[in-house]
C-alpha atoms as a PDB file:
ATOM      1  CA  MET A   1     -50.347   9.998 -19.514  1.00  0.00           C
ATOM      2  CA  THR A   2     -49.205  12.395 -22.316  1.00  0.00           C
ATOM      3  CA  PRO A   3     -45.700  11.753 -23.935  1.00  0.00           C
ATOM      4  CA  SER A   4     -44.220  14.930 -22.329  1.00  0.00           C
ATOM      5  CA  THR A   5     -45.432  13.707 -18.872  1.00  0.00           C
ATOM      6  CA  LYS A   6     -43.762  10.302 -19.487  1.00  0.00           C
ATOM      7  CA  ALA A   7     -40.438  11.854 -20.591  1.00  0.00           C
ATOM      8  CA  ALA A   8     -40.476  14.034 -17.331  1.00  0.00           C
ATOM      9  CA  THR A   9     -41.166  10.954 -15.198  1.00  0.00           C
ATOM     10  CA  ARG A  10     -38.178   9.075 -16.800  1.00  0.00           C
ATOM     11  CA  ASP A  11     -35.854  11.975 -16.118  1.00  0.00           C
ATOM     12  CA  ASN A  12     -36.869  11.958 -12.702  1.00  0.00           C
ATOM     13  CA  PHE A  13     -35.984   8.341 -12.144  1.00  0.00           C
ATOM     14  CA  ALA A  14     -32.603   8.588 -14.217  1.00  0.00           C
ATOM     15  CA  GLY A  15     -31.619  11.549 -12.045  1.00  0.00           C
ATOM     16  CA  ALA A  16     -32.263   9.616  -8.843  1.00  0.00           C
ATOM     17  CA  VAL A  17     -34.875  12.112  -7.677  1.00  0.00           C
ATOM     18  CA  ASP A  18     -36.199  10.838  -4.352  1.00  0.00           C
ATOM     19  CA  VAL A  19     -39.506  12.630  -4.220  1.00  0.00           C
ATOM     20  CA  TYR A  20     -42.359  11.729  -6.585  1.00  0.00           C
ATOM     21  CA  VAL A  21     -44.167  14.563  -8.079  1.00  0.00           C
ATOM     22  CA  ASP A  22     -47.877  14.983  -8.951  1.00  0.00           C
ATOM     23  CA  VAL A  23     -47.745  14.498 -12.717  1.00  0.00           C
ATOM     24  CA  GLY A  24     -51.354  15.421 -13.337  1.00  0.00           C
ATOM     25  CA  VAL A  25     -52.807  12.291 -14.691  1.00  0.00           C
ATOM     26  CA  ASP A  26     -56.229  12.731 -16.274  1.00  0.00           C
ATOM     27  CA  ASP A  27     -57.593   9.495 -17.375  1.00  0.00           C
ATOM     28  CA  ASP A  28     -61.237  10.532 -18.071  1.00  0.00           C
ATOM     29  CA  GLY A  29     -60.444  13.539 -20.056  1.00  0.00           C
ATOM     30  CA  ASP A  30     -62.562  15.940 -17.954  1.00  0.00           C
ATOM     31  CA  GLY A  31     -59.582  18.200 -17.133  1.00  0.00           C
ATOM     32  CA  ASP A  32     -59.376  17.344 -13.397  1.00  0.00           C
ATOM     33  CA  ASP A  33     -56.398  15.571 -11.901  1.00  0.00           C
ATOM     34  CA  ASP A  34     -57.292  12.078 -10.804  1.00  0.00           C
ATOM     35  CA  GLY A  35     -54.358  11.700  -8.575  1.00  0.00           C
ATOM     36  CA  ASP A  36     -54.874  11.342  -4.822  1.00  0.00           C
ATOM     37  CA  ASP A  37     -52.637  13.353  -2.538  1.00  0.00           C
ATOM     38  CA  ASP A  38     -52.507  10.824   0.127  1.00  0.00           C
ATOM     39  CA  GLU A  39     -51.642   8.114  -2.225  1.00  0.00           C
ATOM     40  CA  ASP A  40     -48.969  10.254  -3.756  1.00  0.00           C
ATOM     41  CA  ASN A  41     -47.475  10.771  -0.381  1.00  0.00           C
ATOM     42  CA  ASN A  42     -47.387   7.108   0.416  1.00  0.00           C
ATOM     43  CA  ARG A  43     -45.586   6.428  -2.677  1.00  0.00           C
ATOM     44  CA  ARG A  44     -42.575   8.731  -1.766  1.00  0.00           C
ATOM     45  CA  PRO A  45     -39.626   6.759  -0.724  1.00  0.00           C
ATOM     46  CA  ARG A  46     -37.969   7.183   2.754  1.00  0.00           C
ATOM     47  CA  LYS A  47     -34.263   7.333   3.088  1.00  0.00           C
ATOM     48  CA  ILE A  48     -31.885   7.840   6.229  1.00  0.00           C
ATOM     49  CA  VAL A  49     -29.261   9.663   4.165  1.00  0.00           C
ATOM     50  CA  ASP A  50     -30.326  11.778   1.093  1.00  0.00           C
ATOM     51  CA  GLY A  51     -28.176  13.813  -1.025  1.00  0.00           C
ATOM     52  CA  ILE A  52     -24.445  13.812  -2.198  1.00  0.00           C
ATOM     53  CA  GLY A  53     -23.612  16.583   0.156  1.00  0.00           C
ATOM     54  CA  VAL A  54     -24.532  14.647   3.190  1.00  0.00           C
ATOM     55  CA  VAL A  55     -22.806  11.606   2.035  1.00  0.00           C
ATOM     56  CA  LYS A  56     -19.545  13.650   1.377  1.00  0.00           C
ATOM     57  CA  PHE A  57     -19.835  15.119   4.984  1.00  0.00           C
ATOM     58  CA  LEU A  58     -20.230  11.866   6.700  1.00  0.00           C
ATOM     59  CA  LYS A  59     -17.361  10.322   4.814  1.00  0.00           C
ATOM     60  CA  PHE A  60     -15.272  13.371   5.731  1.00  0.00           C
ATOM     61  CA  LEU A  61     -16.124  12.893   9.328  1.00  0.00           C
ATOM     62  CA  LEU A  62     -15.293   9.309   9.404  1.00  0.00           C
ATOM     63  CA  MET A  63     -12.138   9.761   7.456  1.00  0.00           C
ATOM     64  CA  THR A  64     -11.128  12.421  10.142  1.00  0.00           C
ATOM     65  CA  PHE A  65     -11.849  10.272  13.198  1.00  0.00           C
ATOM     66  CA  GLY A  66     -10.125   7.322  11.422  1.00  0.00           C
ATOM     67  CA  SER A  67      -7.146   9.311  10.526  1.00  0.00           C
ATOM     68  CA  ILE A  68      -6.755  10.607  14.089  1.00  0.00           C
ATOM     69  CA  ALA A  69      -7.012   7.031  15.474  1.00  0.00           C
ATOM     70  CA  LEU A  70      -4.416   5.648  12.749  1.00  0.00           C
ATOM     71  CA  THR A  71      -2.059   8.541  13.385  1.00  0.00           C
ATOM     72  CA  ARG A  72      -2.198   8.140  17.122  1.00  0.00           C
ATOM     73  CA  TYR A  73      -1.329   4.520  16.792  1.00  0.00           C
ATOM     74  CA  ILE A  74       1.589   5.087  14.637  1.00  0.00           C
ATOM     75  CA  VAL A  75       2.956   8.003  16.663  1.00  0.00           C
ATOM     76  CA  VAL A  76       2.867   6.122  19.966  1.00  0.00           C
ATOM     77  CA  LYS A  77       4.612   3.172  18.437  1.00  0.00           C
ATOM     78  CA  GLU A  78       7.345   4.878  16.372  1.00  0.00           C
ATOM     79  CA  PHE A  79       7.879   8.465  17.402  1.00  0.00           C
ATOM     80  CA  PRO A  80       9.028   9.772  20.745  1.00  0.00           C
ATOM     81  CA  ASP A  81       7.388  13.150  20.537  1.00  0.00           C
ATOM     82  CA  HIS A  82       3.815  12.886  21.775  1.00  0.00           C
ATOM     83  CA  ASP A  83       1.660  13.485  24.755  1.00  0.00           C
ATOM     84  CA  ARG A  84       2.376  10.270  27.049  1.00  0.00           C
ATOM     85  CA  TYR A  85      -0.546  10.775  29.253  1.00  0.00           C
ATOM     86  CA  LEU A  86      -3.135  11.069  26.556  1.00  0.00           C
ATOM     87  CA  ARG A  87      -5.026   8.113  25.382  1.00  0.00           C
ATOM     88  CA  LEU A  88      -7.188   7.681  22.257  1.00  0.00           C
ATOM     89  CA  TRP A  89     -10.491   7.059  24.042  1.00  0.00           C
ATOM     90  CA  GLN A  90      -9.899  10.315  25.883  1.00  0.00           C
ATOM     91  CA  ILE A  91      -9.751  12.116  22.522  1.00  0.00           C
ATOM     92  CA  PHE A  92     -12.948  10.670  21.399  1.00  0.00           C
ATOM     93  CA  MET A  93     -14.759  11.101  24.784  1.00  0.00           C
ATOM     94  CA  TYR A  94     -13.670  14.513  25.784  1.00  0.00           C
ATOM     95  CA  GLU A  95     -12.857  16.143  22.501  1.00  0.00           C
ATOM     96  CA  GLY A  96     -15.134  14.240  20.044  1.00  0.00           C
ATOM     97  CA  ASP A  97     -17.832  16.839  20.059  1.00  0.00           C
ATOM     98  CA  SER A  98     -15.469  19.662  19.359  1.00  0.00           C
ATOM     99  CA  ILE A  99     -13.971  17.650  16.533  1.00  0.00           C
ATOM    100  CA  ILE A 100     -17.392  17.157  15.046  1.00  0.00           C
ATOM    101  CA  ARG A 101     -18.115  20.924  15.254  1.00  0.00           C
ATOM    102  CA  ASP A 102     -14.768  21.574  13.707  1.00  0.00           C
ATOM    103  CA  CYS A 103     -15.624  19.434  10.697  1.00  0.00           C
ATOM    104  CA  CYS A 104     -18.944  21.170  10.308  1.00  0.00           C
ATOM    105  CA  VAL A 105     -17.433  24.621  10.048  1.00  0.00           C
ATOM    106  CA  PHE A 106     -14.603  23.327   8.019  1.00  0.00           C
ATOM    107  CA  TYR A 107     -16.881  21.534   5.536  1.00  0.00           C
ATOM    108  CA  GLY A 108     -19.180  24.547   5.189  1.00  0.00           C
ATOM    109  CA  VAL A 109     -16.604  27.393   4.862  1.00  0.00           C
ATOM    110  CA  GLY A 110     -14.372  25.069   2.773  1.00  0.00           C
ATOM    111  CA  ARG A 111     -17.296  24.404   0.362  1.00  0.00           C
ATOM    112  CA  MET A 112     -16.372  20.678   0.300  1.00  0.00           C
ATOM    113  CA  TYR A 113     -19.897  19.944  -0.954  1.00  0.00           C
ATOM    114  CA  ARG A 114     -19.125  21.337  -4.430  1.00  0.00           C
ATOM    115  CA  ASN A 115     -19.073  18.827  -7.232  1.00  0.00           C
ATOM    116  CA  GLU A 116     -15.481  19.910  -8.296  1.00  0.00           C
ATOM    117  CA  ARG A 117     -14.218  18.924  -4.944  1.00  0.00           C
ATOM    118  CA  THR A 118     -12.532  15.548  -5.015  1.00  0.00           C
ATOM    119  CA  GLY A 119     -13.388  13.354  -2.198  1.00  0.00           C
ATOM    120  CA  VAL A 120     -11.298  12.965   0.963  1.00  0.00           C
ATOM    121  CA  ASP A 121     -10.644   9.279  -0.010  1.00  0.00           C
ATOM    122  CA  SER A 122      -8.991  10.429  -3.146  1.00  0.00           C
ATOM    123  CA  LEU A 123      -5.121   9.746  -3.714  1.00  0.00           C
ATOM    124  CA  GLU A 124      -4.695  13.515  -3.877  1.00  0.00           C
ATOM    125  CA  TRP A 125      -6.166  14.360  -0.550  1.00  0.00           C
ATOM    126  CA  ILE A 126      -4.465  11.414   1.288  1.00  0.00           C
ATOM    127  CA  ALA A 127      -1.005  12.205  -0.220  1.00  0.00           C
ATOM    128  CA  PHE A 128      -0.958  15.821   0.938  1.00  0.00           C
ATOM    129  CA  ALA A 129      -2.340  14.988   4.300  1.00  0.00           C
ATOM    130  CA  LEU A 130       0.318  12.419   4.646  1.00  0.00           C
ATOM    131  CA  ILE A 131       3.077  14.940   3.764  1.00  0.00           C
ATOM    132  CA  ALA A 132       1.757  17.123   6.561  1.00  0.00           C
ATOM    133  CA  ASN A 133       2.110  14.426   9.153  1.00  0.00           C
ATOM    134  CA  ILE A 134       5.540  13.278   8.020  1.00  0.00           C
ATOM    135  CA  TYR A 135       6.742  16.793   8.133  1.00  0.00           C
ATOM    136  CA  PHE A 136       5.525  17.427  11.778  1.00  0.00           C
ATOM    137  CA  GLU A 137       6.810  14.065  12.895  1.00  0.00           C
ATOM    138  CA  CYS A 138      10.296  14.802  11.521  1.00  0.00           C
ATOM    139  CA  GLN A 139      10.470  17.899  13.490  1.00  0.00           C
ATOM    140  CA  GLY A 140      11.034  15.722  16.708  1.00  0.00           C
ATOM    141  CA  TYR A 141      14.473  14.795  15.317  1.00  0.00           C
ATOM    142  CA  ILE A 142      15.735  18.346  14.614  1.00  0.00           C
ATOM    143  CA  PRO A 143      17.094  19.978  17.719  1.00  0.00           C
ATOM    144  CA  TRP A 144      16.641  23.639  16.836  1.00  0.00           C
ATOM    145  CA  MET A 145      12.837  22.957  16.030  1.00  0.00           C
ATOM    146  CA  GLN A 146      12.047  21.999  19.533  1.00  0.00           C
ATOM    147  CA  HIS A 147      10.162  25.158  20.423  1.00  0.00           C
ATOM    148  CA  ALA A 148       6.657  26.290  20.437  1.00  0.00           C
ATOM    149  CA  VAL A 149       4.993  29.351  18.738  1.00  0.00           C
ATOM    150  CA  THR A 150       4.549  31.473  21.762  1.00  0.00           C
ATOM    151  CA  LEU A 151       5.608  35.059  22.390  1.00  0.00           C
ATOM    152  CA  TYR A 152       8.022  34.052  25.200  1.00  0.00           C
ATOM    153  CA  GLU A 153       9.715  31.213  23.287  1.00  0.00           C
ATOM    154  CA  MET A 154       9.964  33.494  20.146  1.00  0.00           C
ATOM    155  CA  HIS A 155      11.505  36.370  22.097  1.00  0.00           C
ATOM    156  CA  CYS A 156      13.698  34.520  24.416  1.00  0.00           C
ATOM    157  CA  LEU A 157      14.411  30.757  23.145  1.00  0.00           C
ATOM    158  CA  TRP A 158      14.195  30.518  19.334  1.00  0.00           C
ATOM    159  CA  PRO A 159      17.666  29.863  17.714  1.00  0.00           C
ATOM    160  CA  TRP A 160      18.505  31.700  14.507  1.00  0.00           C
ATOM    161  CA  GLN A 161      17.944  28.531  12.425  1.00  0.00           C
ATOM    162  CA  LEU A 162      14.441  28.424  13.545  1.00  0.00           C
ATOM    163  CA  TRP A 163      13.873  32.109  12.609  1.00  0.00           C
ATOM    164  CA  ALA A 164      15.342  31.626   9.283  1.00  0.00           C
ATOM    165  CA  PHE A 165      13.080  28.529   8.630  1.00  0.00           C
ATOM    166  CA  ALA A 166      10.202  30.488   9.954  1.00  0.00           C
ATOM    167  CA  VAL A 167      10.676  33.254   7.359  1.00  0.00           C
ATOM    168  CA  VAL A 168      10.705  30.595   4.578  1.00  0.00           C
ATOM    169  CA  VAL A 169       7.504  29.203   5.807  1.00  0.00           C
ATOM    170  CA  VAL A 170       5.937  32.664   6.086  1.00  0.00           C
ATOM    171  CA  LEU A 171       6.927  33.593   2.645  1.00  0.00           C
ATOM    172  CA  LEU A 172       5.416  30.341   1.035  1.00  0.00           C
ATOM    173  CA  SER A 173       2.179  30.854   3.047  1.00  0.00           C
ATOM    174  CA  VAL A 174       1.986  34.351   1.985  1.00  0.00           C
ATOM    175  CA  GLY A 175       2.638  33.329  -1.557  1.00  0.00           C
ATOM    176  CA  VAL A 176      -0.200  30.755  -1.572  1.00  0.00           C
ATOM    177  CA  ALA A 177      -2.487  33.345   0.088  1.00  0.00           C
ATOM    178  CA  ILE A 178      -1.604  35.852  -2.669  1.00  0.00           C
ATOM    179  CA  ALA A 179      -2.315  33.106  -5.240  1.00  0.00           C
ATOM    180  CA  HIS A 180      -5.851  32.544  -3.826  1.00  0.00           C
ATOM    181  CA  VAL A 181      -6.510  36.431  -3.822  1.00  0.00           C
ATOM    182  CA  VAL A 182      -5.534  36.744  -7.621  1.00  0.00           C
ATOM    183  CA  VAL A 183      -7.757  33.725  -8.594  1.00  0.00           C
ATOM    184  CA  ALA A 184     -10.597  34.874  -6.294  1.00  0.00           C
ATOM    185  CA  ASN A 185     -10.471  38.294  -7.751  1.00  0.00           C
ATOM    186  CA  ARG A 186     -10.310  37.122 -11.280  1.00  0.00           C
ATOM    187  CA  GLN A 187     -13.433  34.932 -10.698  1.00  0.00           C
ATOM    188  CA  GLY A 188     -15.321  37.778  -9.099  1.00  0.00           C
ATOM    189  CA  PHE A 189     -15.729  36.692  -5.439  1.00  0.00           C
ATOM    190  CA  LEU A 190     -12.614  38.230  -3.610  1.00  0.00           C
ATOM    191  CA  TRP A 191     -14.718  40.147  -1.339  1.00  0.00           C
ATOM    192  CA  ILE A 192     -16.697  37.237  -0.226  1.00  0.00           C
ATOM    193  CA  LYS A 193     -13.549  35.280   0.624  1.00  0.00           C
ATOM    194  CA  LEU A 194     -11.915  38.069   2.585  1.00  0.00           C
ATOM    195  CA  GLY A 195     -15.233  38.666   4.447  1.00  0.00           C
ATOM    196  CA  GLU A 196     -15.261  35.004   5.354  1.00  0.00           C
ATOM    197  CA  PHE A 197     -11.663  35.043   6.436  1.00  0.00           C
ATOM    198  CA  LEU A 198     -12.061  38.237   8.581  1.00  0.00           C
ATOM    199  CA  LEU A 199     -15.253  36.922  10.170  1.00  0.00           C
ATOM    200  CA  CYS A 200     -13.396  33.759  11.211  1.00  0.00           C
ATOM    201  CA  ILE A 201     -10.618  35.836  12.623  1.00  0.00           C
ATOM    202  CA  GLY A 202     -13.123  37.859  14.472  1.00  0.00           C
ATOM    203  CA  LEU A 203     -14.843  34.845  15.762  1.00  0.00           C
ATOM    204  CA  PHE A 204     -12.105  32.417  16.624  1.00  0.00           C
ATOM    205  CA  VAL A 205      -8.824  34.361  17.076  1.00  0.00           C
ATOM    206  CA  ALA A 206      -9.687  37.973  18.346  1.00  0.00           C
ATOM    207  CA  PRO A 207     -11.522  37.102  21.606  1.00  0.00           C
ATOM    208  CA  VAL A 208      -8.461  35.001  22.935  1.00  0.00           C
ATOM    209  CA  ALA A 209      -5.349  36.389  21.288  1.00  0.00           C
ATOM    210  CA  ALA A 210      -4.800  38.946  24.122  1.00  0.00           C
ATOM    211  CA  SER A 211      -4.547  36.330  26.789  1.00  0.00           C
ATOM    212  CA  PRO A 212      -1.102  35.536  28.167  1.00  0.00           C
ATOM    213  CA  TYR A 213      -2.361  31.862  28.068  1.00  0.00           C
ATOM    214  CA  PHE A 214      -3.016  31.868  24.392  1.00  0.00           C
ATOM    215  CA  HIS A 215      -1.214  29.076  22.503  1.00  0.00           C
ATOM    216  CA  PHE A 216      -1.448  28.899  18.709  1.00  0.00           C
ATOM    217  CA  HIS A 217      -1.654  25.012  18.283  1.00  0.00           C
ATOM    218  CA  HIS A 218      -0.911  23.719  14.959  1.00  0.00           C
ATOM    219  CA  TRP A 219      -4.295  21.728  14.887  1.00  0.00           C
ATOM    220  CA  PHE A 220      -5.843  25.143  15.051  1.00  0.00           C
ATOM    221  CA  ALA A 221      -3.633  26.627  12.463  1.00  0.00           C
ATOM    222  CA  GLY A 222      -4.434  23.789  10.077  1.00  0.00           C
ATOM    223  CA  TRP A 223      -8.214  24.208  10.740  1.00  0.00           C
ATOM    224  CA  LEU A 224      -8.244  28.024  10.409  1.00  0.00           C
ATOM    225  CA  PHE A 225      -6.266  28.305   7.210  1.00  0.00           C
ATOM    226  CA  GLY A 226      -7.239  25.114   5.451  1.00  0.00           C
ATOM    227  CA  MET A 227     -10.955  25.958   5.254  1.00  0.00           C
ATOM    228  CA  HIS A 228     -10.193  29.103   3.195  1.00  0.00           C
ATOM    229  CA  ALA A 229      -8.122  27.197   0.683  1.00  0.00           C
ATOM    230  CA  ASN A 230     -11.372  26.328  -1.204  1.00  0.00           C
ATOM    231  CA  LEU A 231     -10.614  27.034  -4.786  1.00  0.00           C
ATOM    232  CA  HIS A 232     -11.443  23.534  -5.742  1.00  0.00           C
ATOM    233  CA  ASN A 233     -10.929  23.987  -9.586  1.00  0.00           C
ATOM    234  CA  VAL A 234      -7.161  24.424  -9.003  1.00  0.00           C
ATOM    235  CA  TRP A 235      -4.981  21.669  -7.825  1.00  0.00           C
ATOM    236  CA  TRP A 236      -2.722  23.760  -5.568  1.00  0.00           C
ATOM    237  CA  SER A 237      -5.649  25.149  -3.543  1.00  0.00           C
ATOM    238  CA  ARG A 238      -6.958  21.574  -3.019  1.00  0.00           C
ATOM    239  CA  ALA A 239      -3.412  20.430  -2.084  1.00  0.00           C
ATOM    240  CA  ALA A 240      -3.148  23.216   0.504  1.00  0.00           C
ATOM    241  CA  MET A 241      -6.629  22.226   1.921  1.00  0.00           C
ATOM    242  CA  ALA A 242      -5.603  18.652   2.387  1.00  0.00           C
ATOM    243  CA  TYR A 243      -2.138  19.629   3.874  1.00  0.00           C
ATOM    244  CA  CYS A 244      -3.804  21.803   6.395  1.00  0.00           C
ATOM    245  CA  TRP A 245      -6.151  19.105   7.343  1.00  0.00           C
ATOM    246  CA  GLY A 246      -3.279  16.751   7.734  1.00  0.00           C
ATOM    247  CA  MET A 247      -1.856  19.400  10.262  1.00  0.00           C
ATOM    248  CA  TYR A 248      -5.153  19.374  12.183  1.00  0.00           C
ATOM    249  CA  VAL A 249      -5.246  15.538  12.366  1.00  0.00           C
ATOM    250  CA  ASN A 250      -1.588  15.409  13.431  1.00  0.00           C
ATOM    251  CA  GLY A 251      -2.010  18.058  16.053  1.00  0.00           C
ATOM    252  CA  ILE A 252      -4.960  16.173  17.761  1.00  0.00           C
ATOM    253  CA  ALA A 253      -3.376  12.778  17.443  1.00  0.00           C
ATOM    254  CA  VAL A 254       0.009  13.724  18.873  1.00  0.00           C
ATOM    255  CA  TYR A 255      -1.102  16.252  21.677  1.00  0.00           C
ATOM    256  CA  GLY A 256      -4.863  16.389  21.634  1.00  0.00           C
ATOM    257  CA  ARG A 257      -7.148  19.103  20.810  1.00  0.00           C
ATOM    258  CA  ASP A 258      -5.757  21.248  23.549  1.00  0.00           C
ATOM    259  CA  PRO A 259      -7.809  24.458  24.211  1.00  0.00           C
ATOM    260  CA  LEU A 260      -6.314  27.771  22.780  1.00  0.00           C
ATOM    261  CA  LEU A 261      -6.319  29.278  26.394  1.00  0.00           C
ATOM    262  CA  THR A 262      -4.490  26.234  27.794  1.00  0.00           C
ATOM    263  CA  CYS A 263      -4.497  26.472  31.534  1.00  0.00           C
ATOM    264  CA  GLU A 264      -6.725  29.400  31.879  1.00  0.00           C
ATOM    265  CA  TYR A 265      -9.517  27.392  30.230  1.00  0.00           C
ATOM    266  CA  ALA A 266      -8.718  24.388  32.411  1.00  0.00           C
ATOM    267  CA  ARG A 267      -8.801  26.707  35.435  1.00  0.00           C
ATOM    268  CA  PHE A 268     -12.196  28.049  34.442  1.00  0.00           C
ATOM    269  CA  ILE A 269     -13.682  24.592  33.821  1.00  0.00           C
ATOM    270  CA  THR A 270     -12.259  23.477  37.327  1.00  0.00           C
ATOM    271  CA  GLU A 271     -13.630  26.441  39.213  1.00  0.00           C
ATOM    272  CA  ASP A 272     -16.856  26.581  37.313  1.00  0.00           C
ATOM    273  CA  GLN A 273     -17.655  23.028  38.028  1.00  0.00           C
ATOM    274  CA  ASN A 274     -16.387  23.146  41.542  1.00  0.00           C
ATOM    275  CA  CYS A 275     -13.904  20.330  40.688  1.00  0.00           C
ATOM    276  CA  PRO A 276     -11.648  19.125  43.619  1.00  0.00           C
ATOM    277  CA  MET A 277      -8.038  20.224  43.290  1.00  0.00           C
ATOM    278  CA  VAL A 278      -5.657  18.452  41.163  1.00  0.00           C
ATOM    279  CA  TRP A 279      -1.926  19.260  41.894  1.00  0.00           C
ATOM    280  CA  ASP A 280       1.215  18.453  39.964  1.00  0.00           C
ATOM    281  CA  GLY A 281       3.682  16.418  41.907  1.00  0.00           C
ATOM    282  CA  GLU A 282       6.633  18.772  41.311  1.00  0.00           C
ATOM    283  CA  ILE A 283       4.689  21.760  42.662  1.00  0.00           C
ATOM    284  CA  GLU A 284       3.803  19.805  45.718  1.00  0.00           C
ATOM    285  CA  GLN A 285       7.535  19.093  46.376  1.00  0.00           C
ATOM    286  CA  ASP A 286       8.469  22.758  45.900  1.00  0.00           C
ATOM    287  CA  MET A 287       5.879  23.743  48.414  1.00  0.00           C
ATOM    288  CA  GLY A 288       6.901  21.101  50.945  1.00  0.00           C
ATOM    289  CA  THR A 289       3.827  18.905  50.765  1.00  0.00           C
ATOM    290  CA  ASN A 290       3.809  15.150  50.502  1.00  0.00           C
ATOM    291  CA  VAL A 291       0.357  14.530  49.226  1.00  0.00           C
ATOM    292  CA  ASP A 292       0.418  12.012  46.360  1.00  0.00           C
ATOM    293  CA  THR A 293      -2.292  12.864  43.864  1.00  0.00           C
ATOM    294  CA  ALA A 294      -0.416  11.423  40.869  1.00  0.00           C
ATOM    295  CA  GLY A 295      -1.808   8.038  41.559  1.00  0.00           C
ATOM    296  CA  ALA A 296      -5.304   9.120  42.606  1.00  0.00           C
ATOM    297  CA  SER A 297      -7.797   7.001  40.733  1.00  0.00           C
ATOM    298  CA  SER A 298     -11.164   8.052  42.024  1.00  0.00           C
ATOM    299  CA  PHE A 299     -13.177  11.292  42.651  1.00  0.00           C
ATOM    300  CA  LEU A 300     -12.981  10.557  46.438  1.00  0.00           C
ATOM    301  CA  ASP A 301      -9.039  10.321  46.367  1.00  0.00           C
ATOM    302  CA  LEU A 302      -8.759  13.623  44.519  1.00  0.00           C
ATOM    303  CA  PHE A 303     -11.138  15.339  46.849  1.00  0.00           C
ATOM    304  CA  LEU A 304      -9.379  14.048  49.898  1.00  0.00           C
ATOM    305  CA  SER A 305      -6.069  15.162  48.401  1.00  0.00           C
ATOM    306  CA  GLY A 306      -7.267  18.616  47.801  1.00  0.00           C
ATOM    307  CA  ILE A 307      -8.697  18.872  51.316  1.00  0.00           C
ATOM    308  CA  THR A 308      -5.283  17.721  52.811  1.00  0.00           C
ATOM    309  CA  MET A 309      -3.355  20.433  50.727  1.00  0.00           C
ATOM    310  CA  ILE A 310      -5.754  23.098  51.847  1.00  0.00           C
ATOM    311  CA  LEU A 311      -5.303  22.192  55.417  1.00  0.00           C
ATOM    312  CA  SER A 312      -1.484  22.127  54.872  1.00  0.00           C
ATOM    313  CA  GLY A 313      -1.646  25.775  53.929  1.00  0.00           C
ATOM    314  CA  VAL A 314      -1.026  25.509  50.211  1.00  0.00           C
ATOM    315  CA  ASP A 315      -2.442  28.536  48.339  1.00  0.00           C
ATOM    316  CA  ASN A 316      -2.608  27.825  44.757  1.00  0.00           C
ATOM    317  CA  GLY A 317      -3.926  31.115  43.666  1.00  0.00           C
ATOM    318  CA  ASN A 318      -0.968  33.137  44.828  1.00  0.00           C
ATOM    319  CA  ASP A 319       1.771  30.969  43.447  1.00  0.00           C
ATOM    320  CA  ASP A 320       3.877  32.854  40.784  1.00  0.00           C
ATOM    321  CA  ASP A 321       4.788  29.562  39.063  1.00  0.00           C
ATOM    322  CA  LEU A 322       1.018  28.863  37.943  1.00  0.00           C
ATOM    323  CA  HIS A 323       0.796  32.203  36.115  1.00  0.00           C
ATOM    324  CA  PRO A 324       2.090  32.796  32.614  1.00  0.00           C
ATOM    325  CA  ALA A 325       5.729  34.061  32.269  1.00  0.00           C
ATOM    326  CA  ASP A 326       6.238  37.656  31.163  1.00  0.00           C
ATOM    327  CA  TRP A 327       7.492  37.246  27.526  1.00  0.00           C
ATOM    328  CA  ARG A 328       9.145  40.629  27.719  1.00  0.00           C
ATOM    329  CA  ASN A 329      11.336  39.502  30.491  1.00  0.00           C
ATOM    330  CA  CYS A 330      13.313  36.242  29.685  1.00  0.00           C
ATOM    331  CA  SER A 331      14.356  35.593  33.182  1.00  0.00           C
ATOM    332  CA  SER A 332      10.849  35.695  34.474  1.00  0.00           C
ATOM    333  CA  ARG A 333       9.361  32.548  36.127  1.00  0.00           C
ATOM    334  CA  GLY A 334       5.993  31.122  35.399  1.00  0.00           C
ATOM    335  CA  TYR A 335       3.894  28.902  33.416  1.00  0.00           C
ATOM    336  CA  HIS A 336       4.756  28.605  29.633  1.00  0.00           C
ATOM    337  CA  PRO A 337       1.666  27.827  27.515  1.00  0.00           C
END
């Protein structure tokens, strides 16, 4: 083995290269490589997880699920504003696959595999994600903030204090966005960033934004905007990403990963899967029915309850209360997504 070959082999071991290479050992001096390919293949180590990027993603995934579980536990114990019907096992069972897909997209678009990106277990990431959770939980104690970001509520129900606060939030968000544009332009990849953002808007927002059932959940806002705060060499961009991921975790832990199309999506799933009817107790009372489905605990109970209501003449499809209220008419009745 020549000195240069020995040096290259040492470098491979020092750099934790996990695949052996053919170093071309010629022991008899005849110019032929005496190495055996089969033997060389057998010497290659086998690993379940290989690469820093994979380890970072797995850590990010575990941190996300662990943060959702911890936040859910604290919110249920200490804060009144949360989905009281939602259980943690339901989040993991029914929404876990969607959360994993969210993490994949966020990790890739956010370029969290970069070496300059500090880990999600760093104090910086945890601190700003915690600030986001504290902020959203404090909203429950401020009366004028008890409103959703929907066209109907904004047009008909938002008080002036909330409008003033929203203006401040928008100005801060625009300021952060402009700072990203300036730095990206200075570093020469502004058009790449704008292209990625517009592509995400086209894929995830445009197809559903026109629906009257559309609801811009704050889990979705944190996920959508956070992955584009990916200038990892500046602290304020890293802080923005961590804060937005805290929004994502808080939204799912408190209310679940609700679909953007709310009941329109639920209705599609129900009809597409031929599910038995599940009725709200208040709607049943308004319609004059006495069917109790709130305590139904099995598929048969739900099926029999649906059949009973159909035989009683209940027509769900023509009931105005089950359609979204017209946001242009503040006196209109209907469902508020």
